[in-house]
Structures are given as structure tokens and as C-alpha cells.
Amino acid sequence: MSKTELCIRLDLANGNCIGPGKIALLEAIQAKGSITAAARHLGMCYRRAWLLVQDINGALQQPAVTTTIGGRRGSSGAAVTSAGEEVIELYHSIERRTHTSARQEFLAIGRLARRR
């Protein structure tokens, strides 16, 4: 039997939302150092990733991702800022706390679910 998973989407007061897809994108940018590489890693097109980054940055008081263009070899990249790192950390903390506090309910729902 597979375990019941938790998927949280935070609907912010400003009308924006942050969920597992945006968090995964931030983590991929953190790991890969560019939006292009992060998009490729997640199997999405660059435009979609770029629009999500713009959405995340627009939702926060400080940008979660910064980009660099050019350089000697024409290299560009992206980095997750301290605000972005904090969003990732807080999001995962919310996931852990929710999962821990609702453990019995997760088990009960798992028992009610149809088997594959």
C-alpha cells in the first residue's frame, strides 16, 4: 500500500499562490544554477519556468530568484536569494508540521482509499 501524500498550496493575501511546483522550481534553480537547466530538469519549457519565476518574484516583497546576463563567455545564470531560501524552508516546515499533526488522519484516509 502506498502512503497518502500531502500537497499544500498557499494562497497568499495578495492573490498569488505558492505550491509544490513553484517550490520544486526554486529548488531546481538552486541546484542547477540557471532557469534553463532547472526547467530541463523538471521537464518543462523555459518560458513556463520563466513565467513561474516572475510570478514568484512578484508575489514577494523581495525577489526569490535573481538572474545574471552575459559575462566574458556570455554565460548567464540564476540564483535563489535569501528570501527564496526562506520560502523553501518555511514551505517544507509547513508540510512537515501538517503531516506530523495529522498522521492518524492520513492513515485513516489511506485505509479508506481504493487499492490499485
C-alpha atoms as a PDB file:
ATOM      1  CA  MET A   1       0.000   0.000   0.000  1.00  0.00           C
ATOM      2  CA  SER A   2       1.422   3.387  -0.938  1.00  0.00           C
ATOM      3  CA  LYS A   3       1.224   6.127   1.633  1.00  0.00           C
ATOM      4  CA  THR A   4      -1.087   9.092   1.413  1.00  0.00           C
ATOM      5  CA  GLU A   5       0.783  12.190   0.250  1.00  0.00           C
ATOM      6  CA  LEU A   6       0.201  15.783   1.226  1.00  0.00           C
ATOM      7  CA  CYS A   7       0.116  18.572  -1.363  1.00  0.00           C
ATOM      8  CA  ILE A   8      -0.115  22.097   0.033  1.00  0.00           C
ATOM      9  CA  ARG A   9      -0.848  25.270  -1.891  1.00  0.00           C
ATOM     10  CA  LEU A  10      -0.525  28.549  -0.055  1.00  0.00           C
ATOM     11  CA  ASP A  11      -2.994  31.183  -1.253  1.00  0.00           C
ATOM     12  CA  LEU A  12      -1.432  34.496  -0.305  1.00  0.00           C
ATOM     13  CA  ALA A  13      -3.411  37.589   0.685  1.00  0.00           C
ATOM     14  CA  ASN A  14      -2.090  39.400  -2.411  1.00  0.00           C
ATOM     15  CA  GLY A  15      -3.829  36.896  -4.714  1.00  0.00           C
ATOM     16  CA  ASN A  16      -0.706  34.900  -5.589  1.00  0.00           C
ATOM     17  CA  CYS A  17      -0.118  31.290  -4.624  1.00  0.00           C
ATOM     18  CA  ILE A  18       2.871  29.123  -3.845  1.00  0.00           C
ATOM     19  CA  GLY A  19       2.649  25.369  -4.149  1.00  0.00           C
ATOM     20  CA  PRO A  20       4.757  22.293  -4.769  1.00  0.00           C
ATOM     21  CA  GLY A  21       5.534  23.166  -8.397  1.00  0.00           C
ATOM     22  CA  LYS A  22       6.969  26.580  -7.601  1.00  0.00           C
ATOM     23  CA  ILE A  23       8.924  25.176  -4.666  1.00  0.00           C
ATOM     24  CA  ALA A  24      10.330  22.428  -6.919  1.00  0.00           C
ATOM     25  CA  LEU A  25      11.349  25.088  -9.447  1.00  0.00           C
ATOM     26  CA  LEU A  26      13.113  27.152  -6.771  1.00  0.00           C
ATOM     27  CA  GLU A  27      14.946  24.045  -5.569  1.00  0.00           C
ATOM     28  CA  ALA A  28      15.939  23.111  -9.127  1.00  0.00           C
ATOM     29  CA  ILE A  29      17.274  26.626  -9.767  1.00  0.00           C
ATOM     30  CA  GLN A  30      19.196  26.370  -6.500  1.00  0.00           C
ATOM     31  CA  ALA A  31      20.708  23.050  -7.580  1.00  0.00           C
ATOM     32  CA  LYS A  32      21.296  23.780 -11.286  1.00  0.00           C
ATOM     33  CA  GLY A  33      22.231  27.478 -11.224  1.00  0.00           C
ATOM     34  CA  SER A  34      20.000  28.515 -14.114  1.00  0.00           C
ATOM     35  CA  ILE A  35      16.367  28.705 -15.080  1.00  0.00           C
ATOM     36  CA  THR A  36      17.071  26.846 -18.315  1.00  0.00           C
ATOM     37  CA  ALA A  37      18.752  23.917 -16.551  1.00  0.00           C
ATOM     38  CA  ALA A  38      16.065  23.870 -13.858  1.00  0.00           C
ATOM     39  CA  ALA A  39      13.301  23.795 -16.487  1.00  0.00           C
ATOM     40  CA  ARG A  40      15.046  20.990 -18.352  1.00  0.00           C
ATOM     41  CA  HIS A  41      15.486  19.052 -15.091  1.00  0.00           C
ATOM     42  CA  LEU A  42      11.768  19.392 -14.309  1.00  0.00           C
ATOM     43  CA  GLY A  43      10.653  18.610 -17.859  1.00  0.00           C
ATOM     44  CA  MET A  44       9.088  21.990 -18.553  1.00  0.00           C
ATOM     45  CA  CYS A  45       9.758  24.569 -21.219  1.00  0.00           C
ATOM     46  CA  TYR A  46      11.906  27.590 -20.426  1.00  0.00           C
ATOM     47  CA  ARG A  47       9.027  30.030 -20.980  1.00  0.00           C
ATOM     48  CA  ARG A  48       6.858  28.286 -18.397  1.00  0.00           C
ATOM     49  CA  ALA A  49       9.715  28.289 -15.874  1.00  0.00           C
ATOM     50  CA  TRP A  50      10.454  31.966 -16.554  1.00  0.00           C
ATOM     51  CA  LEU A  51       6.781  32.903 -16.079  1.00  0.00           C
ATOM     52  CA  LEU A  52       6.673  30.976 -12.802  1.00  0.00           C
ATOM     53  CA  VAL A  53       9.825  32.763 -11.592  1.00  0.00           C
ATOM     54  CA  GLN A  54       8.241  36.110 -12.464  1.00  0.00           C
ATOM     55  CA  ASP A  55       5.099  35.079 -10.591  1.00  0.00           C
ATOM     56  CA  ILE A  56       7.082  34.041  -7.506  1.00  0.00           C
ATOM     57  CA  ASN A  57       9.151  37.225  -7.555  1.00  0.00           C
ATOM     58  CA  GLY A  58       6.020  39.339  -7.972  1.00  0.00           C
ATOM     59  CA  ALA A  59       4.362  37.663  -5.013  1.00  0.00           C
ATOM     60  CA  LEU A  60       7.127  38.501  -2.542  1.00  0.00           C
ATOM     61  CA  GLN A  61       8.468  41.745  -1.105  1.00  0.00           C
ATOM     62  CA  GLN A  62      11.983  40.720  -2.176  1.00  0.00           C
ATOM     63  CA  PRO A  63      12.785  38.582  -5.240  1.00  0.00           C
ATOM     64  CA  ALA A  64      13.220  34.851  -4.685  1.00  0.00           C
ATOM     65  CA  VAL A  65      15.374  34.475  -7.805  1.00  0.00           C
ATOM     66  CA  THR A  66      17.959  36.785  -9.348  1.00  0.00           C
ATOM     67  CA  THR A  67      19.445  36.380 -12.799  1.00  0.00           C
ATOM     68  CA  THR A  68      22.731  37.374 -14.391  1.00  0.00           C
ATOM     69  CA  ILE A  69      23.242  38.009 -18.083  1.00  0.00           C
ATOM     70  CA  GLY A  70      26.399  37.963 -20.127  1.00  0.00           C
ATOM     71  CA  GLY A  71      29.891  37.850 -18.776  1.00  0.00           C
ATOM     72  CA  ARG A  72      33.117  37.093 -20.614  1.00  0.00           C
ATOM     73  CA  ARG A  73      31.879  33.884 -22.141  1.00  0.00           C
ATOM     74  CA  GLY A  74      28.300  35.011 -22.500  1.00  0.00           C
ATOM     75  CA  SER A  75      27.297  32.843 -19.588  1.00  0.00           C
ATOM     76  CA  SER A  76      24.128  33.630 -17.721  1.00  0.00           C
ATOM     77  CA  GLY A  77      22.604  32.096 -14.667  1.00  0.00           C
ATOM     78  CA  ALA A  78      20.149  32.360 -11.841  1.00  0.00           C
ATOM     79  CA  ALA A  79      20.395  32.147  -8.089  1.00  0.00           C
ATOM     80  CA  VAL A  80      17.876  31.685  -5.316  1.00  0.00           C
ATOM     81  CA  THR A  81      18.081  34.631  -2.929  1.00  0.00           C
ATOM     82  CA  SER A  82      17.854  34.511   0.847  1.00  0.00           C
ATOM     83  CA  ALA A  83      14.137  35.341   0.504  1.00  0.00           C
ATOM     84  CA  GLY A  84      13.732  32.373  -1.848  1.00  0.00           C
ATOM     85  CA  GLU A  85      15.627  30.101   0.524  1.00  0.00           C
ATOM     86  CA  GLU A  86      13.370  31.228   3.363  1.00  0.00           C
ATOM     87  CA  VAL A  87      10.235  30.490   1.313  1.00  0.00           C
ATOM     88  CA  ILE A  88      11.542  26.980   0.561  1.00  0.00           C
ATOM     89  CA  GLU A  89      12.368  26.373   4.212  1.00  0.00           C
ATOM     90  CA  LEU A  90       9.041  27.705   5.504  1.00  0.00           C
ATOM     91  CA  TYR A  91       7.046  25.749   2.916  1.00  0.00           C
ATOM     92  CA  HIS A  92       8.729  22.469   3.878  1.00  0.00           C
ATOM     93  CA  SER A  93       8.240  23.287   7.569  1.00  0.00           C
ATOM     94  CA  ILE A  94       4.501  23.724   6.934  1.00  0.00           C
ATOM     95  CA  GLU A  95       4.445  20.366   5.112  1.00  0.00           C
ATOM     96  CA  ARG A  96       6.267  18.574   7.949  1.00  0.00           C
ATOM     97  CA  ARG A  97       4.142  20.104  10.703  1.00  0.00           C
ATOM     98  CA  THR A  98       0.898  19.358   8.891  1.00  0.00           C
ATOM     99  CA  HIS A  99       1.882  15.793   8.124  1.00  0.00           C
ATOM    100  CA  THR A 100       3.023  15.184  11.706  1.00  0.00           C
ATOM    101  CA  SER A 101      -0.070  16.692  13.321  1.00  0.00           C
ATOM    102  CA  ALA A 102      -2.483  14.847  11.013  1.00  0.00           C
ATOM    103  CA  ARG A 103      -0.699  11.479  10.983  1.00  0.00           C
ATOM    104  CA  GLN A 104      -3.698   9.495  12.236  1.00  0.00           C
ATOM    105  CA  GLU A 105      -5.999  11.129   9.705  1.00  0.00           C
ATOM    106  CA  PHE A 106      -3.584  10.309   6.864  1.00  0.00           C
ATOM    107  CA  LEU A 107      -3.553   6.675   7.950  1.00  0.00           C
ATOM    108  CA  ALA A 108      -7.354   6.597   8.211  1.00  0.00           C
ATOM    109  CA  ILE A 109      -7.823   8.069   4.742  1.00  0.00           C
ATOM    110  CA  GLY A 110      -5.259   5.620   3.382  1.00  0.00           C
ATOM    111  CA  ARG A 111      -7.317   2.740   4.782  1.00  0.00           C
ATOM    112  CA  LEU A 112     -10.447   4.100   3.079  1.00  0.00           C
ATOM    113  CA  ALA A 113      -8.801   4.522  -0.314  1.00  0.00           C
ATOM    114  CA  ARG A 114      -9.433   2.039  -3.091  1.00  0.00           C
ATOM    115  CA  ARG A 115      -6.466  -0.242  -3.768  1.00  0.00           C
ATOM    116  CA  ARG A 116      -4.822  -0.311  -7.174  1.00  0.00           C
END
